[in-house]
N, C-alpha and C. Protein backbone atom coordinates (compact mmCIF):
# COMPACT_ATOMS: atom_id res chain seq x y z
N MET A 1 10.30 25.00 -11.91
CA MET A 1 8.97 25.56 -11.99
C MET A 1 7.98 24.40 -12.05
N SER A 2 6.92 24.48 -11.28
CA SER A 2 5.91 23.43 -11.33
C SER A 2 4.54 24.02 -11.59
N LYS A 3 3.74 23.29 -12.26
CA LYS A 3 2.35 23.67 -12.58
C LYS A 3 1.44 22.60 -12.01
N ARG A 4 0.25 22.94 -11.69
CA ARG A 4 -0.73 21.98 -11.19
C ARG A 4 -1.75 21.70 -12.29
N ILE A 5 -2.09 20.43 -12.42
CA ILE A 5 -3.14 20.03 -13.36
C ILE A 5 -4.09 19.09 -12.64
N GLU A 6 -5.32 19.04 -13.10
CA GLU A 6 -6.27 18.09 -12.55
C GLU A 6 -6.36 16.90 -13.48
N ILE A 7 -6.38 15.70 -12.88
CA ILE A 7 -6.52 14.48 -13.66
C ILE A 7 -7.60 13.63 -13.02
N ASP A 8 -8.19 12.74 -13.78
CA ASP A 8 -9.24 11.89 -13.23
C ASP A 8 -8.63 10.77 -12.39
N ASP A 9 -9.47 10.10 -11.62
CA ASP A 9 -9.02 9.07 -10.69
C ASP A 9 -8.33 7.91 -11.39
N GLU A 10 -8.84 7.51 -12.55
CA GLU A 10 -8.24 6.38 -13.27
C GLU A 10 -6.81 6.70 -13.69
N LEU A 11 -6.60 7.91 -14.21
CA LEU A 11 -5.26 8.32 -14.62
C LEU A 11 -4.33 8.43 -13.41
N TYR A 12 -4.85 8.95 -12.30
CA TYR A 12 -4.05 9.03 -11.07
C TYR A 12 -3.60 7.63 -10.63
N ARG A 13 -4.53 6.67 -10.64
CA ARG A 13 -4.18 5.30 -10.25
C ARG A 13 -3.13 4.71 -11.20
N PHE A 14 -3.24 5.04 -12.49
CA PHE A 14 -2.27 4.55 -13.46
C PHE A 14 -0.88 5.09 -13.12
N ILE A 15 -0.78 6.39 -12.88
CA ILE A 15 0.52 6.99 -12.56
C ILE A 15 1.05 6.41 -11.26
N ALA A 16 0.21 6.37 -10.22
CA ALA A 16 0.64 5.83 -8.92
C ALA A 16 1.06 4.37 -9.04
N GLY A 17 0.41 3.63 -9.92
CA GLY A 17 0.72 2.22 -10.12
C GLY A 17 2.08 1.98 -10.77
N HIS A 18 2.67 3.03 -11.33
CA HIS A 18 3.98 2.89 -11.98
C HIS A 18 5.11 3.48 -11.13
N THR A 19 4.82 3.70 -9.85
CA THR A 19 5.85 4.20 -8.94
C THR A 19 6.92 3.12 -8.77
N GLN A 20 8.18 3.50 -8.90
CA GLN A 20 9.27 2.54 -8.75
C GLN A 20 9.96 2.65 -7.40
N HIS A 21 9.84 3.78 -6.74
CA HIS A 21 10.44 3.93 -5.42
C HIS A 21 9.65 4.95 -4.61
N ILE A 22 9.79 4.84 -3.30
CA ILE A 22 9.09 5.73 -2.38
C ILE A 22 9.49 7.17 -2.66
N GLY A 23 8.51 8.05 -2.71
CA GLY A 23 8.78 9.46 -2.89
C GLY A 23 8.96 9.90 -4.33
N GLU A 24 8.82 8.97 -5.28
CA GLU A 24 8.96 9.34 -6.69
C GLU A 24 7.81 10.26 -7.07
N SER A 25 8.12 11.37 -7.68
CA SER A 25 7.09 12.34 -8.04
C SER A 25 6.34 11.90 -9.29
N ALA A 26 5.16 12.48 -9.47
CA ALA A 26 4.37 12.19 -10.67
C ALA A 26 5.14 12.63 -11.91
N SER A 27 5.85 13.75 -11.84
CA SER A 27 6.65 14.21 -12.98
C SER A 27 7.72 13.19 -13.35
N SER A 28 8.40 12.65 -12.34
CA SER A 28 9.44 11.65 -12.62
C SER A 28 8.85 10.41 -13.26
N ILE A 29 7.70 9.98 -12.76
CA ILE A 29 7.04 8.78 -13.31
C ILE A 29 6.66 9.03 -14.77
N LEU A 30 6.03 10.17 -15.03
CA LEU A 30 5.62 10.48 -16.40
C LEU A 30 6.82 10.64 -17.33
N ARG A 31 7.89 11.28 -16.86
CA ARG A 31 9.09 11.42 -17.68
C ARG A 31 9.65 10.05 -18.06
N ARG A 32 9.66 9.14 -17.07
CA ARG A 32 10.16 7.79 -17.33
C ARG A 32 9.26 7.07 -18.33
N LEU A 33 7.94 7.13 -18.12
CA LEU A 33 7.01 6.44 -19.00
C LEU A 33 7.01 7.01 -20.42
N LEU A 34 7.24 8.31 -20.53
CA LEU A 34 7.25 8.96 -21.84
C LEU A 34 8.65 9.02 -22.44
N ASP A 35 9.61 8.43 -21.72
CA ASP A 35 11.00 8.38 -22.17
C ASP A 35 11.56 9.77 -22.44
N LEU A 36 11.27 10.69 -21.49
CA LEU A 36 11.79 12.05 -21.58
C LEU A 36 13.01 12.19 -20.69
N GLU A 37 13.82 13.18 -20.96
CA GLU A 37 15.01 13.44 -20.15
C GLU A 37 14.60 13.80 -18.73
N THR A 38 15.36 13.33 -17.75
CA THR A 38 15.08 13.69 -16.36
C THR A 38 15.67 15.06 -16.07
N VAL A 39 15.07 15.74 -15.11
CA VAL A 39 15.56 17.05 -14.68
C VAL A 39 15.90 16.98 -13.21
N ASP A 40 16.69 17.92 -12.75
CA ASP A 40 17.04 17.95 -11.33
C ASP A 40 15.78 18.14 -10.50
N ALA A 41 15.77 17.50 -9.33
CA ALA A 41 14.63 17.61 -8.43
C ALA A 41 14.56 19.02 -7.86
N PRO A 42 13.34 19.57 -7.72
CA PRO A 42 13.21 20.88 -7.08
C PRO A 42 13.65 20.78 -5.62
N PRO A 43 13.95 21.91 -4.98
CA PRO A 43 14.46 21.88 -3.60
C PRO A 43 13.59 21.09 -2.64
N ALA A 44 12.28 21.20 -2.74
CA ALA A 44 11.41 20.46 -1.81
C ALA A 44 11.61 18.97 -1.97
N GLU A 45 11.73 18.51 -3.22
CA GLU A 45 11.94 17.08 -3.44
C GLU A 45 13.33 16.65 -3.00
N ALA A 46 14.31 17.51 -3.19
CA ALA A 46 15.67 17.18 -2.78
C ALA A 46 15.73 16.99 -1.27
N SER A 47 15.03 17.83 -0.52
CA SER A 47 15.06 17.68 0.94
C SER A 47 14.32 16.42 1.35
N ARG A 48 13.26 16.07 0.63
CA ARG A 48 12.55 14.82 0.95
C ARG A 48 13.45 13.63 0.71
N ALA A 49 14.30 13.72 -0.31
CA ALA A 49 15.17 12.60 -0.64
C ALA A 49 16.16 12.31 0.48
N THR A 50 16.44 13.29 1.33
CA THR A 50 17.39 13.05 2.40
C THR A 50 16.72 12.49 3.64
N ALA A 51 15.41 12.45 3.69
CA ALA A 51 14.71 11.88 4.85
C ALA A 51 14.98 10.38 4.88
N SER A 52 14.81 9.81 6.05
CA SER A 52 15.04 8.36 6.16
C SER A 52 14.02 7.60 5.32
N GLY A 53 14.38 6.40 4.91
CA GLY A 53 13.49 5.57 4.11
C GLY A 53 12.16 5.32 4.79
N ARG A 54 12.19 5.07 6.09
CA ARG A 54 10.96 4.79 6.82
C ARG A 54 10.06 6.02 6.86
N GLU A 55 10.63 7.20 7.09
CA GLU A 55 9.82 8.42 7.10
C GLU A 55 9.20 8.67 5.73
N ARG A 56 9.99 8.47 4.68
CA ARG A 56 9.45 8.65 3.33
C ARG A 56 8.34 7.66 3.06
N SER A 57 8.51 6.42 3.50
CA SER A 57 7.49 5.40 3.29
C SER A 57 6.20 5.78 3.99
N ARG A 58 6.32 6.24 5.21
CA ARG A 58 5.11 6.62 5.96
C ARG A 58 4.42 7.79 5.29
N ARG A 59 5.19 8.79 4.88
CA ARG A 59 4.59 9.94 4.22
C ARG A 59 3.96 9.51 2.90
N SER A 60 4.61 8.62 2.19
CA SER A 60 4.14 8.19 0.88
C SER A 60 2.79 7.48 0.96
N ILE A 61 2.61 6.65 1.97
CA ILE A 61 1.34 5.92 2.05
C ILE A 61 0.17 6.88 2.24
N PHE A 62 0.37 7.94 3.05
CA PHE A 62 -0.70 8.90 3.27
C PHE A 62 -0.88 9.80 2.06
N ASP A 63 0.20 10.13 1.37
CA ASP A 63 0.10 10.95 0.17
C ASP A 63 -0.54 10.17 -0.97
N SER A 64 -0.23 8.87 -1.04
CA SER A 64 -0.68 8.05 -2.16
C SER A 64 -2.12 7.59 -2.03
N MET A 65 -2.54 7.37 -0.79
CA MET A 65 -3.85 6.76 -0.58
C MET A 65 -4.84 7.84 -0.16
N THR A 66 -5.72 8.18 -1.05
CA THR A 66 -6.73 9.20 -0.75
C THR A 66 -8.11 8.56 -0.77
N ARG A 67 -9.04 9.26 -0.21
CA ARG A 67 -10.42 8.78 -0.20
C ARG A 67 -10.93 8.58 -1.63
N ALA A 68 -10.50 9.42 -2.56
CA ALA A 68 -10.93 9.28 -3.95
C ALA A 68 -10.47 7.95 -4.53
N ASP A 69 -9.24 7.55 -4.21
CA ASP A 69 -8.74 6.26 -4.69
C ASP A 69 -9.58 5.13 -4.13
N LEU A 70 -9.90 5.22 -2.86
CA LEU A 70 -10.66 4.16 -2.21
C LEU A 70 -12.11 4.12 -2.67
N ALA A 71 -12.63 5.26 -3.10
CA ALA A 71 -14.02 5.30 -3.56
C ALA A 71 -14.22 4.41 -4.78
N GLY A 72 -13.16 4.21 -5.55
CA GLY A 72 -13.25 3.35 -6.72
C GLY A 72 -13.31 1.87 -6.37
N GLN A 73 -13.00 1.55 -5.13
CA GLN A 73 -13.03 0.15 -4.67
C GLN A 73 -14.44 -0.11 -4.13
N ARG A 74 -15.16 -0.99 -4.76
CA ARG A 74 -16.59 -1.14 -4.48
C ARG A 74 -16.96 -1.98 -3.27
N SER A 75 -16.02 -2.69 -2.70
CA SER A 75 -16.36 -3.54 -1.54
C SER A 75 -15.28 -3.40 -0.47
N ALA A 76 -15.60 -3.85 0.73
CA ALA A 76 -14.62 -3.83 1.82
C ALA A 76 -13.41 -4.68 1.46
N VAL A 77 -13.63 -5.81 0.80
CA VAL A 77 -12.51 -6.68 0.40
C VAL A 77 -11.63 -5.95 -0.60
N ALA A 78 -12.22 -5.26 -1.57
CA ALA A 78 -11.43 -4.53 -2.57
C ALA A 78 -10.63 -3.41 -1.90
N ARG A 79 -11.25 -2.68 -0.96
CA ARG A 79 -10.52 -1.62 -0.24
C ARG A 79 -9.40 -2.22 0.60
N PHE A 80 -9.67 -3.33 1.27
CA PHE A 80 -8.69 -4.03 2.10
C PHE A 80 -7.47 -4.42 1.25
N LEU A 81 -7.72 -5.03 0.10
CA LEU A 81 -6.63 -5.44 -0.78
C LEU A 81 -5.88 -4.23 -1.34
N TYR A 82 -6.61 -3.18 -1.67
CA TYR A 82 -5.98 -1.96 -2.19
C TYR A 82 -5.02 -1.37 -1.15
N ILE A 83 -5.48 -1.27 0.10
CA ILE A 83 -4.65 -0.71 1.17
C ILE A 83 -3.41 -1.59 1.39
N LEU A 84 -3.61 -2.90 1.44
CA LEU A 84 -2.46 -3.80 1.60
C LEU A 84 -1.50 -3.66 0.42
N GLY A 85 -2.03 -3.50 -0.78
CA GLY A 85 -1.18 -3.31 -1.96
C GLY A 85 -0.36 -2.02 -1.86
N MET A 86 -0.98 -0.96 -1.36
CA MET A 86 -0.25 0.30 -1.16
C MET A 86 0.83 0.13 -0.10
N LEU A 87 0.51 -0.56 0.98
CA LEU A 87 1.50 -0.80 2.02
C LEU A 87 2.66 -1.61 1.47
N TYR A 88 2.35 -2.61 0.66
CA TYR A 88 3.42 -3.40 0.04
C TYR A 88 4.28 -2.52 -0.86
N ARG A 89 3.64 -1.70 -1.67
CA ARG A 89 4.38 -0.85 -2.60
C ARG A 89 5.34 0.08 -1.85
N CYS A 90 4.91 0.58 -0.70
CA CYS A 90 5.75 1.49 0.08
C CYS A 90 6.77 0.77 0.96
N HIS A 91 6.55 -0.51 1.25
CA HIS A 91 7.40 -1.24 2.19
C HIS A 91 7.75 -2.64 1.69
N SER A 92 8.00 -2.78 0.41
CA SER A 92 8.23 -4.12 -0.15
C SER A 92 9.38 -4.85 0.53
N ASP A 93 10.42 -4.12 0.93
CA ASP A 93 11.57 -4.78 1.56
C ASP A 93 11.26 -5.34 2.94
N GLU A 94 10.31 -4.74 3.65
CA GLU A 94 9.99 -5.16 5.01
C GLU A 94 8.70 -5.97 5.09
N PHE A 95 7.99 -6.10 3.99
CA PHE A 95 6.64 -6.65 4.04
C PHE A 95 6.57 -8.10 4.51
N ALA A 96 7.64 -8.85 4.35
CA ALA A 96 7.65 -10.25 4.79
C ALA A 96 7.35 -10.39 6.27
N ALA A 97 7.53 -9.32 7.03
CA ALA A 97 7.25 -9.35 8.47
C ALA A 97 5.77 -9.63 8.76
N VAL A 98 4.90 -9.35 7.80
CA VAL A 98 3.47 -9.59 8.04
C VAL A 98 3.14 -11.08 8.06
N LEU A 99 4.05 -11.92 7.58
CA LEU A 99 3.78 -13.36 7.55
C LEU A 99 3.59 -13.93 8.96
N LYS A 100 4.09 -13.25 9.96
CA LYS A 100 3.92 -13.75 11.33
C LYS A 100 2.61 -13.31 11.97
N ILE A 101 1.83 -12.47 11.29
CA ILE A 101 0.54 -12.03 11.82
C ILE A 101 -0.48 -13.14 11.61
N SER A 102 -1.10 -13.56 12.69
CA SER A 102 -2.08 -14.64 12.59
C SER A 102 -3.17 -14.45 13.64
N GLY A 103 -4.23 -15.17 13.46
CA GLY A 103 -5.31 -15.17 14.44
C GLY A 103 -5.10 -16.33 15.41
N ARG A 104 -6.08 -16.54 16.23
CA ARG A 104 -6.01 -17.61 17.22
C ARG A 104 -5.85 -18.97 16.56
N ASP A 105 -6.62 -19.20 15.51
CA ASP A 105 -6.61 -20.52 14.86
C ASP A 105 -6.23 -20.46 13.38
N ARG A 106 -5.83 -19.31 12.90
CA ARG A 106 -5.65 -19.19 11.45
C ARG A 106 -4.50 -18.26 11.11
N GLN A 107 -3.82 -18.64 10.05
CA GLN A 107 -2.75 -17.81 9.49
C GLN A 107 -3.42 -16.80 8.56
N TYR A 108 -3.02 -15.53 8.64
CA TYR A 108 -3.64 -14.48 7.83
C TYR A 108 -2.90 -14.19 6.52
N PHE A 109 -1.59 -14.35 6.52
CA PHE A 109 -0.77 -14.01 5.35
C PHE A 109 0.11 -15.19 4.97
N ALA A 110 0.40 -15.32 3.68
CA ALA A 110 1.28 -16.40 3.20
C ALA A 110 1.81 -16.02 1.83
N VAL A 111 2.71 -16.86 1.33
CA VAL A 111 3.27 -16.62 -0.01
C VAL A 111 2.54 -17.44 -1.07
N SER A 112 1.52 -18.18 -0.66
CA SER A 112 0.70 -18.90 -1.64
C SER A 112 -0.72 -19.07 -1.09
N ALA A 113 -1.67 -19.17 -2.00
CA ALA A 113 -3.05 -19.39 -1.60
C ALA A 113 -3.19 -20.76 -0.94
N ALA A 114 -2.46 -21.75 -1.46
CA ALA A 114 -2.54 -23.11 -0.92
C ALA A 114 -2.12 -23.16 0.54
N GLU A 115 -1.12 -22.37 0.89
CA GLU A 115 -0.65 -22.33 2.27
C GLU A 115 -1.74 -21.82 3.21
N LEU A 116 -2.49 -20.82 2.78
CA LEU A 116 -3.59 -20.30 3.60
C LEU A 116 -4.74 -21.30 3.68
N GLU A 117 -5.04 -21.92 2.55
CA GLU A 117 -6.12 -22.91 2.53
C GLU A 117 -5.80 -24.10 3.41
N ALA A 118 -4.53 -24.43 3.56
CA ALA A 118 -4.13 -25.56 4.40
C ALA A 118 -4.26 -25.26 5.88
N HIS A 119 -4.38 -23.98 6.24
CA HIS A 119 -4.45 -23.60 7.65
C HIS A 119 -5.85 -23.18 8.08
N GLY A 120 -6.85 -23.51 7.32
CA GLY A 120 -8.21 -23.16 7.72
C GLY A 120 -9.20 -23.39 6.62
N SER A 121 -10.45 -23.49 6.99
CA SER A 121 -11.49 -23.67 5.98
C SER A 121 -12.09 -22.31 5.63
N SER A 122 -12.60 -22.20 4.44
CA SER A 122 -13.24 -20.97 3.96
C SER A 122 -12.37 -19.74 4.13
N THR A 123 -11.12 -19.84 3.75
CA THR A 123 -10.21 -18.71 3.91
C THR A 123 -10.35 -17.67 2.80
N ASN A 124 -10.79 -18.10 1.63
CA ASN A 124 -10.93 -17.23 0.46
C ASN A 124 -9.68 -16.37 0.24
N PRO A 125 -8.52 -17.00 0.06
CA PRO A 125 -7.28 -16.23 -0.11
C PRO A 125 -7.27 -15.45 -1.41
N LYS A 126 -6.73 -14.24 -1.32
CA LYS A 126 -6.57 -13.38 -2.50
C LYS A 126 -5.14 -12.85 -2.50
N GLN A 127 -4.60 -12.65 -3.68
CA GLN A 127 -3.26 -12.09 -3.78
C GLN A 127 -3.32 -10.58 -3.53
N ILE A 128 -2.39 -10.09 -2.74
CA ILE A 128 -2.29 -8.66 -2.49
C ILE A 128 -1.76 -8.02 -3.78
N PRO A 129 -2.49 -7.04 -4.33
CA PRO A 129 -2.12 -6.47 -5.62
C PRO A 129 -0.66 -6.00 -5.68
N GLY A 130 0.02 -6.41 -6.74
CA GLY A 130 1.39 -6.00 -6.96
C GLY A 130 2.41 -6.67 -6.07
N SER A 131 2.00 -7.70 -5.34
CA SER A 131 2.92 -8.36 -4.41
C SER A 131 2.90 -9.87 -4.60
N PRO A 132 3.87 -10.57 -4.02
CA PRO A 132 3.86 -12.03 -4.07
C PRO A 132 3.12 -12.65 -2.89
N TYR A 133 2.43 -11.84 -2.09
CA TYR A 133 1.79 -12.31 -0.86
C TYR A 133 0.28 -12.48 -1.04
N PHE A 134 -0.27 -13.39 -0.22
CA PHE A 134 -1.70 -13.67 -0.20
C PHE A 134 -2.24 -13.38 1.19
N VAL A 135 -3.53 -13.08 1.25
CA VAL A 135 -4.17 -12.78 2.53
C VAL A 135 -5.55 -13.44 2.55
N VAL A 136 -5.99 -13.87 3.73
CA VAL A 136 -7.35 -14.39 3.84
C VAL A 136 -8.31 -13.21 3.77
N THR A 137 -9.45 -13.40 3.14
CA THR A 137 -10.38 -12.27 2.95
C THR A 137 -11.78 -12.53 3.46
N ASN A 138 -12.02 -13.69 4.06
CA ASN A 138 -13.40 -13.96 4.47
C ASN A 138 -13.68 -13.52 5.91
N ASN A 139 -12.79 -12.73 6.50
CA ASN A 139 -13.04 -12.18 7.83
C ASN A 139 -14.02 -11.02 7.74
N ASN A 140 -14.67 -10.71 8.85
CA ASN A 140 -15.56 -9.55 8.86
C ASN A 140 -14.74 -8.26 8.82
N THR A 141 -15.40 -7.14 8.59
CA THR A 141 -14.71 -5.87 8.44
C THR A 141 -13.94 -5.48 9.69
N THR A 142 -14.48 -5.78 10.86
CA THR A 142 -13.78 -5.48 12.11
C THR A 142 -12.45 -6.21 12.17
N ARG A 143 -12.44 -7.48 11.78
CA ARG A 143 -11.19 -8.26 11.78
C ARG A 143 -10.23 -7.71 10.72
N LYS A 144 -10.75 -7.33 9.55
CA LYS A 144 -9.88 -6.76 8.52
C LYS A 144 -9.22 -5.48 9.04
N LYS A 145 -9.97 -4.66 9.76
CA LYS A 145 -9.40 -3.43 10.33
C LYS A 145 -8.32 -3.77 11.33
N SER A 146 -8.56 -4.77 12.14
CA SER A 146 -7.55 -5.20 13.11
C SER A 146 -6.30 -5.69 12.39
N MET A 147 -6.48 -6.42 11.31
CA MET A 147 -5.34 -6.92 10.54
C MET A 147 -4.54 -5.76 9.94
N LEU A 148 -5.25 -4.74 9.41
CA LEU A 148 -4.56 -3.58 8.85
C LEU A 148 -3.75 -2.86 9.93
N THR A 149 -4.32 -2.74 11.11
CA THR A 149 -3.60 -2.10 12.22
C THR A 149 -2.34 -2.88 12.55
N GLN A 150 -2.45 -4.20 12.62
CA GLN A 150 -1.29 -5.03 12.92
C GLN A 150 -0.22 -4.91 11.83
N VAL A 151 -0.66 -4.91 10.57
CA VAL A 151 0.28 -4.79 9.46
C VAL A 151 1.02 -3.45 9.55
N ALA A 152 0.26 -2.37 9.75
CA ALA A 152 0.87 -1.04 9.81
C ALA A 152 1.88 -0.96 10.95
N GLU A 153 1.52 -1.48 12.11
CA GLU A 153 2.43 -1.44 13.25
C GLU A 153 3.66 -2.31 12.99
N GLU A 154 3.47 -3.44 12.34
CA GLU A 154 4.59 -4.32 12.01
C GLU A 154 5.56 -3.62 11.04
N LEU A 155 5.03 -2.74 10.21
CA LEU A 155 5.85 -2.03 9.24
C LEU A 155 6.44 -0.74 9.81
N GLY A 156 6.22 -0.50 11.11
CA GLY A 156 6.87 0.63 11.77
C GLY A 156 6.04 1.88 11.95
N TYR A 157 4.77 1.83 11.64
CA TYR A 157 3.92 2.99 11.86
C TYR A 157 3.61 3.12 13.35
N THR A 158 3.41 4.34 13.80
CA THR A 158 3.02 4.58 15.18
C THR A 158 1.57 4.15 15.34
N PRO A 159 1.10 3.89 16.57
CA PRO A 159 -0.31 3.52 16.75
C PRO A 159 -1.29 4.53 16.14
N PRO A 160 -1.09 5.85 16.30
CA PRO A 160 -2.03 6.77 15.64
C PRO A 160 -2.00 6.67 14.11
N GLU A 161 -0.82 6.47 13.54
CA GLU A 161 -0.71 6.30 12.09
C GLU A 161 -1.39 5.01 11.65
N ALA A 162 -1.20 3.95 12.42
CA ALA A 162 -1.83 2.67 12.10
C ALA A 162 -3.35 2.80 12.14
N GLU A 163 -3.86 3.55 13.09
CA GLU A 163 -5.31 3.77 13.16
C GLU A 163 -5.80 4.55 11.96
N GLN A 164 -5.00 5.51 11.54
CA GLN A 164 -5.37 6.30 10.36
C GLN A 164 -5.44 5.40 9.12
N ILE A 165 -4.50 4.51 8.97
CA ILE A 165 -4.51 3.56 7.86
C ILE A 165 -5.72 2.64 7.97
N ARG A 166 -5.95 2.13 9.17
CA ARG A 166 -7.11 1.26 9.41
C ARG A 166 -8.40 1.96 9.00
N ASP A 167 -8.51 3.24 9.30
CA ASP A 167 -9.74 3.97 9.02
C ASP A 167 -9.98 4.23 7.55
N PHE A 168 -8.97 3.97 6.69
CA PHE A 168 -9.22 4.05 5.25
C PHE A 168 -10.19 2.97 4.81
N LEU A 169 -10.25 1.87 5.57
CA LEU A 169 -11.15 0.77 5.22
C LEU A 169 -12.58 1.20 5.49
């Protein structure tokens, strides 16, 4: 039996921030955080668990990232980092593939800020939230959108899905 409750955006971000695996329900997260006994997954969740990891990851990013979440991010850079952080959370095992994404004269992703600074001036590297990766952030919004599209496609999203992710920015 499931019940619906309304929660504020801050609490939603807290719960989503404690996700340990793709497709983990809010109930499972709260049970774990409150140290309560786990219960069997309802049929809908059980069928989701049998979907491929990539399908669950793709569904999870769209389920997890809503306009309300992004509204709390006050700048394009904050939204950009938030989206990359969500992509990392859903695809941590494959995320290293983004390291090969680069511009004509500049590397966009690295495992350290120093590595990005060594490949260009005024890179303003920032760590992607919840990840060991860094990204340059001083590009214009159009370039950031292009980077998000490339990241999504590198992680296995279809072009329409990648555009949908890009449009969250």
